Amino acid sequence: MPVLNDEVPDEGDYDASRRRGEFDNITPDDFIRGSGHGNPPGWMDSSEIDHVRREMPIVYVEIVPVRTDEFGRIDQVGTLLRVGDDSSIERTLITGRVLFHESLREAVARNISKDLGDIALPVLPVNLQPFSVAEFFPTPGVSRYYDPRQHAVALCYVVPIAGDCKPQDETLDVEWLSPAEVTRPDFLAQMPNGHDQIIRQAIAWAE
C-alpha cells in the first residue's frame, strides 16, 4: 500500500524505502498531470499497472453522458464510438481509472474532458453516490460485466453535459439518441460486456 504523509510502512510495502515527507511538495495537480520532474510518487508505468491488474481490483468511474430538457429530464443519451483492441469499431461509455491521490469528483471531470473535450461543461452531481456499482471480471460468465484485462470495480454516474463535445483521445465520435432509441434491443446489442446493462439502469434510475 502507498505511504501517505507520516504513515509508517510495513515491511514489504512497495514504497517502504521512501523517506517520510516525500509527498510534502507534491500538489494535487501533480498527481493528475505529472510534475515537471517526471511522474510523482505512486505512479506506475505500463508494465507495473499490468502487473497490478493481474493481482487486485482497480477502481473505475463509468459515466453515462446525457442532455436534459428544461425540466431536468433526460432528453438524449450519449454513447462513444471507439476502435477496439481487435481494430473493430465498438460502442461504449465514458470510463476510466481513478488515479492515485485523485478524488472521485476529479476522476469524473477528468475522464469526461479526456473523451469529450474541455468545453463539454459537465454538470457534476452534488451527491457523488453512484446509481450503480458494476464489477467487471476478466473471466467470462462470472458476472454480466466483463473486461479481459482486469477485475475492475466501476462506480456508475449519470452526468448532464451542457457544452459542446469534441471527441478526444481514443474517441472517434459521440452519438446522441433519445432514451427510447438507446434502449432498443438492436442498439444495446452493439454495447457488449455489460455496458448495455449500465445504460438500462441509468435510464431507469433517472425516471
N, C-alpha and C. Protein backbone atom coordinates (compact mmCIF):
# COMPACT_ATOMS: atom_id res chain seq x y z
N MET A 1 0.84 -1.20 0.00
CA MET A 1 0.00 0.00 0.00
C MET A 1 0.87 1.23 0.00
N PRO A 2 0.44 2.35 -0.54
CA PRO A 2 1.26 3.56 -0.59
C PRO A 2 1.49 4.13 0.80
N VAL A 3 2.58 4.81 0.94
CA VAL A 3 2.89 5.50 2.19
C VAL A 3 2.42 6.94 2.07
N LEU A 4 1.49 7.37 2.90
CA LEU A 4 0.97 8.72 2.85
C LEU A 4 1.42 9.50 4.07
N ASN A 5 1.98 10.68 3.83
CA ASN A 5 2.41 11.58 4.90
C ASN A 5 3.33 10.85 5.87
N ASP A 6 2.96 10.74 7.14
CA ASP A 6 3.84 10.12 8.12
C ASP A 6 3.42 8.71 8.48
N GLU A 7 2.64 8.07 7.64
CA GLU A 7 2.26 6.69 7.89
C GLU A 7 3.51 5.81 7.91
N VAL A 8 3.61 4.91 8.86
CA VAL A 8 4.76 4.02 8.96
C VAL A 8 4.50 2.79 8.11
N PRO A 9 5.34 2.52 7.10
CA PRO A 9 5.08 1.39 6.21
C PRO A 9 5.41 0.06 6.86
N ASP A 10 4.70 -0.96 6.42
CA ASP A 10 5.04 -2.32 6.82
C ASP A 10 6.14 -2.85 5.93
N GLU A 11 6.89 -3.81 6.44
CA GLU A 11 7.94 -4.42 5.64
C GLU A 11 7.31 -5.10 4.42
N GLY A 12 7.85 -4.82 3.25
CA GLY A 12 7.30 -5.40 2.03
C GLY A 12 6.44 -4.45 1.24
N ASP A 13 6.02 -3.32 1.82
CA ASP A 13 5.30 -2.33 1.04
C ASP A 13 6.17 -1.88 -0.12
N TYR A 14 5.54 -1.64 -1.30
CA TYR A 14 6.35 -1.36 -2.48
C TYR A 14 7.16 -0.08 -2.34
N ASP A 15 6.69 0.85 -1.51
CA ASP A 15 7.44 2.09 -1.33
C ASP A 15 7.90 2.25 0.12
N ALA A 16 8.16 1.12 0.78
CA ALA A 16 8.59 1.17 2.18
C ALA A 16 9.91 1.91 2.35
N SER A 17 10.71 1.97 1.27
CA SER A 17 12.00 2.63 1.37
C SER A 17 11.93 4.14 1.19
N ARG A 18 10.75 4.66 0.88
CA ARG A 18 10.63 6.10 0.67
C ARG A 18 10.79 6.82 2.00
N ARG A 19 11.42 7.99 1.94
CA ARG A 19 11.59 8.77 3.16
C ARG A 19 10.28 9.44 3.54
N ARG A 20 10.09 9.74 4.81
CA ARG A 20 8.90 10.46 5.25
C ARG A 20 8.91 11.88 4.68
N GLY A 21 7.74 12.37 4.37
CA GLY A 21 7.62 13.73 3.85
C GLY A 21 7.87 13.85 2.36
N GLU A 22 8.03 12.70 1.65
CA GLU A 22 8.33 12.78 0.23
C GLU A 22 7.18 13.39 -0.56
N PHE A 23 5.96 13.34 -0.02
CA PHE A 23 4.81 13.91 -0.70
C PHE A 23 4.60 15.38 -0.36
N ASP A 24 5.40 15.95 0.53
CA ASP A 24 5.11 17.27 1.05
C ASP A 24 5.07 18.36 -0.03
N ASN A 25 5.91 18.25 -1.04
CA ASN A 25 6.00 19.30 -2.06
C ASN A 25 5.26 18.93 -3.35
N ILE A 26 4.44 17.88 -3.29
CA ILE A 26 3.67 17.46 -4.44
C ILE A 26 2.26 18.04 -4.33
N THR A 27 1.80 18.66 -5.39
CA THR A 27 0.46 19.24 -5.39
C THR A 27 -0.55 18.25 -5.97
N PRO A 28 -1.85 18.42 -5.69
CA PRO A 28 -2.85 17.53 -6.31
C PRO A 28 -2.78 17.53 -7.83
N ASP A 29 -2.43 18.69 -8.42
CA ASP A 29 -2.34 18.75 -9.87
C ASP A 29 -1.20 17.87 -10.39
N ASP A 30 -0.13 17.74 -9.60
CA ASP A 30 0.97 16.87 -9.99
C ASP A 30 0.53 15.43 -10.11
N PHE A 31 -0.35 15.01 -9.22
CA PHE A 31 -0.79 13.63 -9.24
C PHE A 31 -1.69 13.34 -10.43
N ILE A 32 -2.34 14.34 -10.96
CA ILE A 32 -3.22 14.15 -12.11
C ILE A 32 -2.45 14.27 -13.42
N ARG A 33 -1.57 15.24 -13.52
CA ARG A 33 -0.90 15.50 -14.80
C ARG A 33 0.59 15.22 -14.79
N GLY A 34 1.15 14.90 -13.63
CA GLY A 34 2.59 14.70 -13.56
C GLY A 34 3.32 16.00 -13.33
N SER A 35 4.43 15.93 -12.66
CA SER A 35 5.21 17.15 -12.39
C SER A 35 6.26 17.34 -13.47
N GLY A 36 6.95 18.47 -13.42
CA GLY A 36 7.99 18.74 -14.40
C GLY A 36 9.21 17.85 -14.24
N HIS A 37 9.28 17.10 -13.15
CA HIS A 37 10.43 16.23 -12.89
C HIS A 37 10.03 14.76 -13.04
N GLY A 38 9.07 14.48 -13.88
CA GLY A 38 8.60 13.12 -14.03
C GLY A 38 7.36 12.89 -13.19
N ASN A 39 6.82 11.70 -13.26
CA ASN A 39 5.61 11.39 -12.51
C ASN A 39 5.88 11.40 -11.02
N PRO A 40 4.90 11.80 -10.22
CA PRO A 40 5.09 11.88 -8.77
C PRO A 40 5.10 10.49 -8.14
N PRO A 41 5.47 10.38 -6.86
CA PRO A 41 5.49 9.08 -6.19
C PRO A 41 4.13 8.39 -6.27
N GLY A 42 4.17 7.08 -6.47
CA GLY A 42 2.93 6.31 -6.52
C GLY A 42 2.44 6.01 -7.92
N TRP A 43 2.97 6.72 -8.94
CA TRP A 43 2.56 6.42 -10.31
C TRP A 43 3.26 5.16 -10.78
N MET A 44 2.66 4.45 -11.73
CA MET A 44 3.23 3.21 -12.25
C MET A 44 3.32 3.27 -13.77
N ASP A 45 4.34 2.64 -14.32
CA ASP A 45 4.43 2.58 -15.78
C ASP A 45 3.54 1.44 -16.27
N SER A 46 3.51 1.24 -17.60
CA SER A 46 2.56 0.29 -18.18
C SER A 46 2.78 -1.13 -17.68
N SER A 47 4.04 -1.53 -17.51
CA SER A 47 4.30 -2.89 -17.04
C SER A 47 3.85 -3.07 -15.59
N GLU A 48 4.02 -2.02 -14.78
CA GLU A 48 3.60 -2.11 -13.38
C GLU A 48 2.08 -2.17 -13.27
N ILE A 49 1.36 -1.34 -14.04
CA ILE A 49 -0.10 -1.37 -13.94
C ILE A 49 -0.64 -2.69 -14.49
N ASP A 50 0.00 -3.26 -15.49
CA ASP A 50 -0.41 -4.58 -15.97
C ASP A 50 -0.25 -5.63 -14.88
N HIS A 51 0.84 -5.53 -14.12
CA HIS A 51 1.07 -6.47 -13.02
C HIS A 51 -0.01 -6.29 -11.95
N VAL A 52 -0.31 -5.04 -11.59
CA VAL A 52 -1.33 -4.78 -10.57
C VAL A 52 -2.68 -5.30 -11.02
N ARG A 53 -3.00 -5.13 -12.31
CA ARG A 53 -4.28 -5.60 -12.83
C ARG A 53 -4.43 -7.12 -12.69
N ARG A 54 -3.32 -7.83 -12.68
CA ARG A 54 -3.39 -9.29 -12.52
C ARG A 54 -3.49 -9.70 -11.06
N GLU A 55 -3.30 -8.74 -10.15
CA GLU A 55 -3.21 -9.09 -8.73
C GLU A 55 -4.36 -8.55 -7.88
N MET A 56 -5.03 -7.46 -8.32
CA MET A 56 -6.01 -6.83 -7.44
C MET A 56 -7.03 -6.05 -8.26
N PRO A 57 -8.22 -5.78 -7.68
CA PRO A 57 -9.22 -4.97 -8.40
C PRO A 57 -8.75 -3.53 -8.57
N ILE A 58 -9.21 -2.89 -9.63
CA ILE A 58 -8.89 -1.49 -9.93
C ILE A 58 -10.20 -0.69 -9.89
N VAL A 59 -10.15 0.50 -9.28
CA VAL A 59 -11.34 1.35 -9.17
C VAL A 59 -11.49 2.21 -10.42
N TYR A 60 -12.70 2.19 -10.98
CA TYR A 60 -13.03 2.96 -12.18
C TYR A 60 -14.25 3.84 -11.91
N VAL A 61 -14.43 4.84 -12.76
CA VAL A 61 -15.71 5.54 -12.87
C VAL A 61 -16.25 5.27 -14.26
N GLU A 62 -17.55 5.05 -14.35
CA GLU A 62 -18.24 4.82 -15.62
C GLU A 62 -19.33 5.88 -15.72
N ILE A 63 -19.32 6.65 -16.79
CA ILE A 63 -20.18 7.82 -16.89
C ILE A 63 -21.10 7.70 -18.09
N VAL A 64 -22.40 7.88 -17.84
CA VAL A 64 -23.40 7.95 -18.90
C VAL A 64 -23.67 9.43 -19.16
N PRO A 65 -23.15 9.99 -20.26
CA PRO A 65 -23.40 11.42 -20.54
C PRO A 65 -24.80 11.62 -21.08
N VAL A 66 -25.47 12.64 -20.61
CA VAL A 66 -26.84 12.90 -21.06
C VAL A 66 -27.02 14.40 -21.34
N ARG A 67 -28.02 14.69 -22.14
CA ARG A 67 -28.50 16.07 -22.30
C ARG A 67 -29.92 16.09 -21.75
N THR A 68 -30.25 17.15 -21.02
CA THR A 68 -31.55 17.22 -20.36
C THR A 68 -32.39 18.38 -20.90
N ASP A 69 -33.71 18.28 -20.70
CA ASP A 69 -34.60 19.36 -21.12
C ASP A 69 -34.71 20.39 -19.99
N GLU A 70 -35.62 21.35 -20.16
CA GLU A 70 -35.73 22.43 -19.17
C GLU A 70 -36.25 21.96 -17.82
N PHE A 71 -36.80 20.76 -17.76
CA PHE A 71 -37.29 20.21 -16.50
C PHE A 71 -36.30 19.22 -15.87
N GLY A 72 -35.12 19.11 -16.46
CA GLY A 72 -34.12 18.20 -15.92
C GLY A 72 -34.30 16.75 -16.30
N ARG A 73 -35.22 16.47 -17.23
CA ARG A 73 -35.44 15.11 -17.67
C ARG A 73 -34.46 14.76 -18.79
N ILE A 74 -34.05 13.49 -18.85
CA ILE A 74 -33.12 13.07 -19.88
C ILE A 74 -33.77 13.20 -21.25
N ASP A 75 -33.15 13.97 -22.11
CA ASP A 75 -33.63 14.18 -23.47
C ASP A 75 -32.84 13.33 -24.46
N GLN A 76 -31.52 13.24 -24.22
CA GLN A 76 -30.65 12.44 -25.09
C GLN A 76 -29.59 11.74 -24.24
N VAL A 77 -29.14 10.60 -24.73
CA VAL A 77 -28.08 9.84 -24.09
C VAL A 77 -26.92 9.72 -25.06
N GLY A 78 -25.71 9.97 -24.58
CA GLY A 78 -24.54 9.91 -25.45
C GLY A 78 -23.81 8.58 -25.34
N THR A 79 -23.42 8.02 -26.47
CA THR A 79 -22.56 6.85 -26.50
C THR A 79 -21.34 7.16 -27.36
N LEU A 80 -20.23 6.52 -27.06
CA LEU A 80 -18.96 6.80 -27.72
C LEU A 80 -18.62 5.71 -28.72
N LEU A 81 -18.07 6.12 -29.85
CA LEU A 81 -17.54 5.18 -30.83
C LEU A 81 -16.03 5.17 -30.73
N ARG A 82 -15.46 3.97 -30.58
CA ARG A 82 -14.02 3.82 -30.45
C ARG A 82 -13.54 2.64 -31.28
N VAL A 83 -12.22 2.60 -31.50
CA VAL A 83 -11.59 1.45 -32.14
C VAL A 83 -11.18 0.48 -31.04
N GLY A 84 -11.69 -0.74 -31.11
CA GLY A 84 -11.38 -1.74 -30.10
C GLY A 84 -9.99 -2.33 -30.28
N ASP A 85 -9.61 -3.20 -29.35
CA ASP A 85 -8.29 -3.83 -29.40
C ASP A 85 -8.12 -4.69 -30.64
N ASP A 86 -9.24 -5.19 -31.19
CA ASP A 86 -9.17 -6.02 -32.40
C ASP A 86 -9.38 -5.19 -33.66
N SER A 87 -9.27 -3.85 -33.54
CA SER A 87 -9.40 -2.90 -34.65
C SER A 87 -10.83 -2.73 -35.15
N SER A 88 -11.80 -3.33 -34.46
CA SER A 88 -13.20 -3.13 -34.84
C SER A 88 -13.74 -1.89 -34.14
N ILE A 89 -14.81 -1.32 -34.70
CA ILE A 89 -15.46 -0.16 -34.09
C ILE A 89 -16.41 -0.65 -33.00
N GLU A 90 -16.28 -0.12 -31.81
CA GLU A 90 -17.14 -0.53 -30.71
C GLU A 90 -17.85 0.68 -30.12
N ARG A 91 -18.99 0.45 -29.51
CA ARG A 91 -19.77 1.49 -28.88
C ARG A 91 -19.68 1.30 -27.37
N THR A 92 -19.38 2.38 -26.66
CA THR A 92 -19.18 2.25 -25.22
C THR A 92 -19.57 3.54 -24.51
N LEU A 93 -19.21 3.65 -23.23
CA LEU A 93 -19.49 4.82 -22.41
C LEU A 93 -18.17 5.45 -21.98
N ILE A 94 -18.24 6.56 -21.29
CA ILE A 94 -17.04 7.20 -20.75
C ILE A 94 -16.59 6.38 -19.54
N THR A 95 -15.38 5.91 -19.57
CA THR A 95 -14.88 5.10 -18.47
C THR A 95 -13.39 5.33 -18.29
N GLY A 96 -12.93 5.23 -17.06
CA GLY A 96 -11.51 5.42 -16.79
C GLY A 96 -11.18 5.16 -15.34
N ARG A 97 -9.90 4.91 -15.09
CA ARG A 97 -9.44 4.64 -13.73
C ARG A 97 -9.50 5.88 -12.85
N VAL A 98 -9.65 5.65 -11.57
CA VAL A 98 -9.44 6.71 -10.57
C VAL A 98 -7.96 6.70 -10.25
N LEU A 99 -7.29 7.81 -10.50
CA LEU A 99 -5.85 7.88 -10.31
C LEU A 99 -5.50 8.03 -8.83
N PHE A 100 -4.26 7.66 -8.53
CA PHE A 100 -3.75 7.82 -7.17
C PHE A 100 -3.82 9.28 -6.73
N HIS A 101 -4.36 9.52 -5.54
CA HIS A 101 -4.47 10.86 -4.97
C HIS A 101 -5.49 11.72 -5.69
N GLU A 102 -6.42 11.10 -6.41
CA GLU A 102 -7.45 11.82 -7.15
C GLU A 102 -8.81 11.53 -6.52
N SER A 103 -9.60 12.57 -6.28
CA SER A 103 -10.93 12.36 -5.73
C SER A 103 -11.86 11.82 -6.81
N LEU A 104 -12.99 11.23 -6.40
CA LEU A 104 -13.96 10.73 -7.37
C LEU A 104 -14.48 11.86 -8.25
N ARG A 105 -14.73 13.03 -7.65
CA ARG A 105 -15.22 14.17 -8.42
C ARG A 105 -14.21 14.57 -9.49
N GLU A 106 -12.94 14.59 -9.14
CA GLU A 106 -11.90 14.92 -10.11
C GLU A 106 -11.80 13.85 -11.19
N ALA A 107 -11.97 12.58 -10.80
CA ALA A 107 -11.89 11.49 -11.77
C ALA A 107 -13.03 11.58 -12.79
N VAL A 108 -14.23 11.89 -12.32
CA VAL A 108 -15.37 12.04 -13.24
C VAL A 108 -15.10 13.19 -14.22
N ALA A 109 -14.67 14.34 -13.71
CA ALA A 109 -14.42 15.50 -14.56
C ALA A 109 -13.30 15.23 -15.56
N ARG A 110 -12.22 14.61 -15.10
CA ARG A 110 -11.06 14.36 -15.97
C ARG A 110 -11.42 13.40 -17.10
N ASN A 111 -12.15 12.33 -16.78
CA ASN A 111 -12.47 11.35 -17.82
C ASN A 111 -13.47 11.90 -18.83
N ILE A 112 -14.39 12.76 -18.39
CA ILE A 112 -15.29 13.41 -19.35
C ILE A 112 -14.50 14.32 -20.28
N SER A 113 -13.59 15.12 -19.71
CA SER A 113 -12.76 16.01 -20.53
C SER A 113 -11.88 15.22 -21.49
N LYS A 114 -11.36 14.08 -21.03
CA LYS A 114 -10.49 13.25 -21.87
C LYS A 114 -11.21 12.77 -23.12
N ASP A 115 -12.50 12.43 -22.98
CA ASP A 115 -13.23 11.86 -24.11
C ASP A 115 -14.06 12.88 -24.89
N LEU A 116 -14.58 13.91 -24.21
CA LEU A 116 -15.49 14.85 -24.86
C LEU A 116 -14.90 16.24 -25.07
N GLY A 117 -13.70 16.50 -24.56
CA GLY A 117 -13.08 17.80 -24.75
C GLY A 117 -13.29 18.73 -23.57
N ASP A 118 -12.55 19.82 -23.57
CA ASP A 118 -12.53 20.75 -22.43
C ASP A 118 -13.76 21.65 -22.35
N ILE A 119 -14.56 21.72 -23.42
CA ILE A 119 -15.72 22.60 -23.38
C ILE A 119 -17.03 21.80 -23.34
N ALA A 120 -16.95 20.55 -22.86
CA ALA A 120 -18.17 19.75 -22.71
C ALA A 120 -19.05 20.29 -21.59
N LEU A 121 -18.44 20.96 -20.61
CA LEU A 121 -19.15 21.58 -19.48
C LEU A 121 -20.07 20.59 -18.76
N PRO A 122 -19.50 19.55 -18.16
CA PRO A 122 -20.32 18.61 -17.40
C PRO A 122 -20.89 19.25 -16.15
N VAL A 123 -22.13 18.90 -15.81
CA VAL A 123 -22.76 19.37 -14.58
C VAL A 123 -22.61 18.25 -13.56
N LEU A 124 -21.55 18.33 -12.75
CA LEU A 124 -21.24 17.25 -11.82
C LEU A 124 -22.30 17.16 -10.73
N PRO A 125 -22.65 15.94 -10.33
CA PRO A 125 -23.68 15.79 -9.30
C PRO A 125 -23.23 16.34 -7.96
N VAL A 126 -24.16 16.91 -7.21
CA VAL A 126 -23.85 17.40 -5.87
C VAL A 126 -23.53 16.23 -4.96
N ASN A 127 -24.30 15.16 -5.08
CA ASN A 127 -24.09 13.95 -4.30
C ASN A 127 -23.39 12.93 -5.18
N LEU A 128 -22.21 12.47 -4.76
CA LEU A 128 -21.43 11.56 -5.59
C LEU A 128 -21.77 10.09 -5.35
N GLN A 129 -22.94 9.81 -4.80
CA GLN A 129 -23.37 8.43 -4.67
C GLN A 129 -23.72 7.90 -6.06
N PRO A 130 -23.08 6.82 -6.52
CA PRO A 130 -23.36 6.30 -7.86
C PRO A 130 -24.74 5.65 -7.94
N PHE A 131 -25.31 5.62 -9.15
CA PHE A 131 -26.60 4.96 -9.30
C PHE A 131 -26.43 3.44 -9.34
N SER A 132 -25.20 2.98 -9.61
CA SER A 132 -24.93 1.54 -9.62
C SER A 132 -23.44 1.32 -9.45
N VAL A 133 -23.08 0.11 -9.04
CA VAL A 133 -21.68 -0.32 -9.00
C VAL A 133 -21.57 -1.56 -9.88
N ALA A 134 -20.74 -1.49 -10.90
CA ALA A 134 -20.56 -2.59 -11.84
C ALA A 134 -19.21 -3.25 -11.59
N GLU A 135 -19.21 -4.54 -11.35
CA GLU A 135 -17.97 -5.26 -11.07
C GLU A 135 -17.61 -6.10 -12.30
N PHE A 136 -16.57 -5.66 -13.01
CA PHE A 136 -16.11 -6.34 -14.21
C PHE A 136 -15.07 -7.40 -13.84
N PHE A 137 -15.23 -8.60 -14.40
CA PHE A 137 -14.28 -9.68 -14.15
C PHE A 137 -13.57 -10.04 -15.44
N PRO A 138 -12.32 -10.54 -15.34
CA PRO A 138 -11.59 -10.96 -16.55
C PRO A 138 -11.98 -12.35 -17.03
N THR A 139 -12.88 -13.00 -16.32
CA THR A 139 -13.34 -14.34 -16.71
C THR A 139 -14.78 -14.24 -17.20
N PRO A 140 -15.08 -14.62 -18.44
CA PRO A 140 -16.45 -14.54 -18.94
C PRO A 140 -17.40 -15.40 -18.12
N GLY A 141 -18.60 -14.88 -17.88
CA GLY A 141 -19.62 -15.64 -17.20
C GLY A 141 -19.67 -15.48 -15.70
N VAL A 142 -18.66 -14.87 -15.08
CA VAL A 142 -18.68 -14.68 -13.63
C VAL A 142 -19.77 -13.68 -13.26
N SER A 143 -19.91 -12.63 -14.05
CA SER A 143 -20.99 -11.66 -13.87
C SER A 143 -21.39 -11.16 -15.26
N ARG A 144 -22.36 -10.29 -15.31
CA ARG A 144 -22.79 -9.73 -16.60
C ARG A 144 -21.79 -8.72 -17.12
N TYR A 145 -20.80 -8.34 -16.31
CA TYR A 145 -19.79 -7.35 -16.72
C TYR A 145 -18.46 -8.07 -16.95
N TYR A 146 -17.83 -7.78 -18.08
CA TYR A 146 -16.62 -8.50 -18.49
C TYR A 146 -15.57 -7.52 -19.01
N ASP A 147 -14.34 -7.67 -18.52
CA ASP A 147 -13.20 -6.90 -19.01
C ASP A 147 -12.01 -7.86 -19.07
N PRO A 148 -11.54 -8.22 -20.26
CA PRO A 148 -10.48 -9.23 -20.36
C PRO A 148 -9.16 -8.80 -19.70
N ARG A 149 -8.99 -7.51 -19.45
CA ARG A 149 -7.72 -7.03 -18.90
C ARG A 149 -7.61 -7.19 -17.40
N GLN A 150 -8.77 -7.17 -16.68
CA GLN A 150 -8.66 -6.93 -15.25
C GLN A 150 -9.97 -7.20 -14.51
N HIS A 151 -9.86 -7.20 -13.20
CA HIS A 151 -11.01 -7.15 -12.31
C HIS A 151 -11.17 -5.68 -11.93
N ALA A 152 -12.26 -5.06 -12.39
CA ALA A 152 -12.46 -3.63 -12.18
C ALA A 152 -13.78 -3.39 -11.47
N VAL A 153 -13.77 -2.48 -10.50
CA VAL A 153 -14.99 -2.08 -9.80
C VAL A 153 -15.32 -0.66 -10.27
N ALA A 154 -16.43 -0.52 -11.00
CA ALA A 154 -16.78 0.76 -11.62
C ALA A 154 -17.95 1.41 -10.90
N LEU A 155 -17.75 2.64 -10.45
CA LEU A 155 -18.82 3.45 -9.87
C LEU A 155 -19.50 4.19 -11.02
N CYS A 156 -20.81 4.00 -11.17
CA CYS A 156 -21.52 4.49 -12.36
C CYS A 156 -22.31 5.76 -12.06
N TYR A 157 -22.16 6.76 -12.92
CA TYR A 157 -22.80 8.06 -12.73
C TYR A 157 -23.51 8.50 -14.01
N VAL A 158 -24.62 9.20 -13.84
CA VAL A 158 -25.26 9.93 -14.93
C VAL A 158 -24.86 11.39 -14.80
N VAL A 159 -24.27 11.96 -15.85
CA VAL A 159 -23.79 13.33 -15.78
C VAL A 159 -24.33 14.14 -16.97
N PRO A 160 -25.12 15.19 -16.70
CA PRO A 160 -25.58 16.07 -17.79
C PRO A 160 -24.41 16.83 -18.41
N ILE A 161 -24.45 16.98 -19.73
CA ILE A 161 -23.43 17.70 -20.48
C ILE A 161 -24.09 18.95 -21.05
N ALA A 162 -23.55 20.13 -20.68
CA ALA A 162 -24.15 21.39 -21.08
C ALA A 162 -23.45 22.06 -22.26
N GLY A 163 -22.22 21.63 -22.58
CA GLY A 163 -21.45 22.31 -23.61
C GLY A 163 -21.34 21.52 -24.90
N ASP A 164 -20.37 21.91 -25.71
CA ASP A 164 -20.12 21.26 -26.99
C ASP A 164 -19.10 20.13 -26.80
N CYS A 165 -19.32 19.05 -27.51
CA CYS A 165 -18.44 17.88 -27.40
C CYS A 165 -17.54 17.78 -28.63
N LYS A 166 -16.25 17.66 -28.40
CA LYS A 166 -15.28 17.43 -29.47
C LYS A 166 -14.50 16.18 -29.09
N PRO A 167 -14.81 15.05 -29.74
CA PRO A 167 -14.18 13.78 -29.36
C PRO A 167 -12.67 13.90 -29.27
N GLN A 168 -12.13 13.35 -28.20
CA GLN A 168 -10.71 13.43 -27.92
C GLN A 168 -10.14 12.04 -27.71
N ASP A 169 -8.82 11.96 -27.61
CA ASP A 169 -8.12 10.75 -27.22
C ASP A 169 -8.51 9.61 -28.17
N GLU A 170 -9.03 8.50 -27.65
CA GLU A 170 -9.38 7.35 -28.47
C GLU A 170 -10.82 7.40 -28.98
N THR A 171 -11.56 8.44 -28.63
CA THR A 171 -12.96 8.55 -29.04
C THR A 171 -13.06 9.08 -30.46
N LEU A 172 -13.74 8.33 -31.33
CA LEU A 172 -13.90 8.75 -32.73
C LEU A 172 -15.09 9.67 -32.90
N ASP A 173 -16.17 9.40 -32.18
CA ASP A 173 -17.39 10.20 -32.33
C ASP A 173 -18.28 9.98 -31.12
N VAL A 174 -19.19 10.92 -30.90
CA VAL A 174 -20.19 10.80 -29.85
C VAL A 174 -21.56 10.88 -30.52
N GLU A 175 -22.39 9.89 -30.27
CA GLU A 175 -23.72 9.86 -30.88
C GLU A 175 -24.77 10.07 -29.79
N TRP A 176 -25.68 11.03 -30.03
CA TRP A 176 -26.72 11.36 -29.07
C TRP A 176 -28.06 10.85 -29.59
N LEU A 177 -28.73 10.04 -28.78
CA LEU A 177 -30.02 9.48 -29.15
C LEU A 177 -30.98 9.58 -27.97
N SER A 178 -32.25 9.48 -28.26
CA SER A 178 -33.26 9.54 -27.21
C SER A 178 -33.20 8.29 -26.34
N PRO A 179 -33.72 8.36 -25.10
CA PRO A 179 -33.74 7.17 -24.25
C PRO A 179 -34.43 5.98 -24.91
N ALA A 180 -35.50 6.24 -25.67
CA ALA A 180 -36.20 5.15 -26.34
C ALA A 180 -35.30 4.49 -27.39
N GLU A 181 -34.50 5.30 -28.08
CA GLU A 181 -33.63 4.75 -29.13
C GLU A 181 -32.48 3.94 -28.56
N VAL A 182 -31.87 4.43 -27.47
CA VAL A 182 -30.71 3.71 -26.94
C VAL A 182 -31.10 2.44 -26.20
N THR A 183 -32.36 2.28 -25.86
CA THR A 183 -32.79 1.06 -25.18
C THR A 183 -33.41 0.03 -26.14
N ARG A 184 -33.36 0.31 -27.44
CA ARG A 184 -33.79 -0.70 -28.41
C ARG A 184 -32.85 -1.91 -28.34
N PRO A 185 -33.36 -3.11 -28.42
CA PRO A 185 -32.51 -4.30 -28.35
C PRO A 185 -31.39 -4.30 -29.38
N ASP A 186 -31.68 -3.86 -30.62
CA ASP A 186 -30.65 -3.88 -31.65
C ASP A 186 -29.53 -2.88 -31.35
N PHE A 187 -29.88 -1.76 -30.68
CA PHE A 187 -28.84 -0.78 -30.31
C PHE A 187 -28.01 -1.32 -29.14
N LEU A 188 -28.66 -1.84 -28.12
CA LEU A 188 -27.94 -2.34 -26.95
C LEU A 188 -27.04 -3.51 -27.30
N ALA A 189 -27.38 -4.24 -28.36
CA ALA A 189 -26.55 -5.36 -28.79
C ALA A 189 -25.17 -4.89 -29.27
N GLN A 190 -25.05 -3.59 -29.57
CA GLN A 190 -23.76 -3.02 -30.00
C GLN A 190 -22.88 -2.65 -28.81
N MET A 191 -23.40 -2.83 -27.60
CA MET A 191 -22.66 -2.46 -26.40
C MET A 191 -22.45 -3.71 -25.54
N PRO A 192 -21.45 -4.51 -25.86
CA PRO A 192 -21.25 -5.78 -25.15
C PRO A 192 -20.59 -5.60 -23.79
N ASN A 193 -20.37 -6.71 -23.12
CA ASN A 193 -19.60 -6.79 -21.87
C ASN A 193 -20.26 -6.09 -20.69
N GLY A 194 -21.57 -5.82 -20.78
CA GLY A 194 -22.29 -5.26 -19.64
C GLY A 194 -22.61 -3.80 -19.75
N HIS A 195 -22.06 -3.09 -20.74
CA HIS A 195 -22.36 -1.66 -20.87
C HIS A 195 -23.82 -1.42 -21.23
N ASP A 196 -24.43 -2.39 -21.91
CA ASP A 196 -25.86 -2.28 -22.20
C ASP A 196 -26.69 -2.27 -20.92
N GLN A 197 -26.26 -3.08 -19.95
CA GLN A 197 -26.97 -3.12 -18.67
C GLN A 197 -26.84 -1.79 -17.93
N ILE A 198 -25.68 -1.16 -18.02
CA ILE A 198 -25.47 0.13 -17.36
C ILE A 198 -26.39 1.19 -17.97
N ILE A 199 -26.55 1.17 -19.29
CA ILE A 199 -27.48 2.10 -19.95
C ILE A 199 -28.90 1.89 -19.43
N ARG A 200 -29.34 0.65 -19.37
CA ARG A 200 -30.69 0.36 -18.87
C ARG A 200 -30.87 0.87 -17.45
N GLN A 201 -29.91 0.59 -16.58
CA GLN A 201 -30.00 1.01 -15.19
C GLN A 201 -30.01 2.53 -15.07
N ALA A 202 -29.20 3.21 -15.88
CA ALA A 202 -29.12 4.67 -15.82
C ALA A 202 -30.46 5.31 -16.15
N ILE A 203 -31.09 4.84 -17.22
CA ILE A 203 -32.36 5.42 -17.63
C ILE A 203 -33.46 5.10 -16.62
N ALA A 204 -33.48 3.87 -16.10
CA ALA A 204 -34.47 3.51 -15.09
C ALA A 204 -34.28 4.32 -13.81
N TRP A 205 -33.02 4.56 -13.43
CA TRP A 205 -32.72 5.33 -12.21
C TRP A 205 -33.16 6.78 -12.34
N ALA A 206 -33.03 7.34 -13.53
CA ALA A 206 -33.33 8.77 -13.74
C ALA A 206 -34.81 9.04 -13.93
N GLU A 207 -35.63 8.02 -14.12
CA GLU A 207 -37.06 8.27 -14.35
C GLU A 207 -37.77 8.71 -13.09
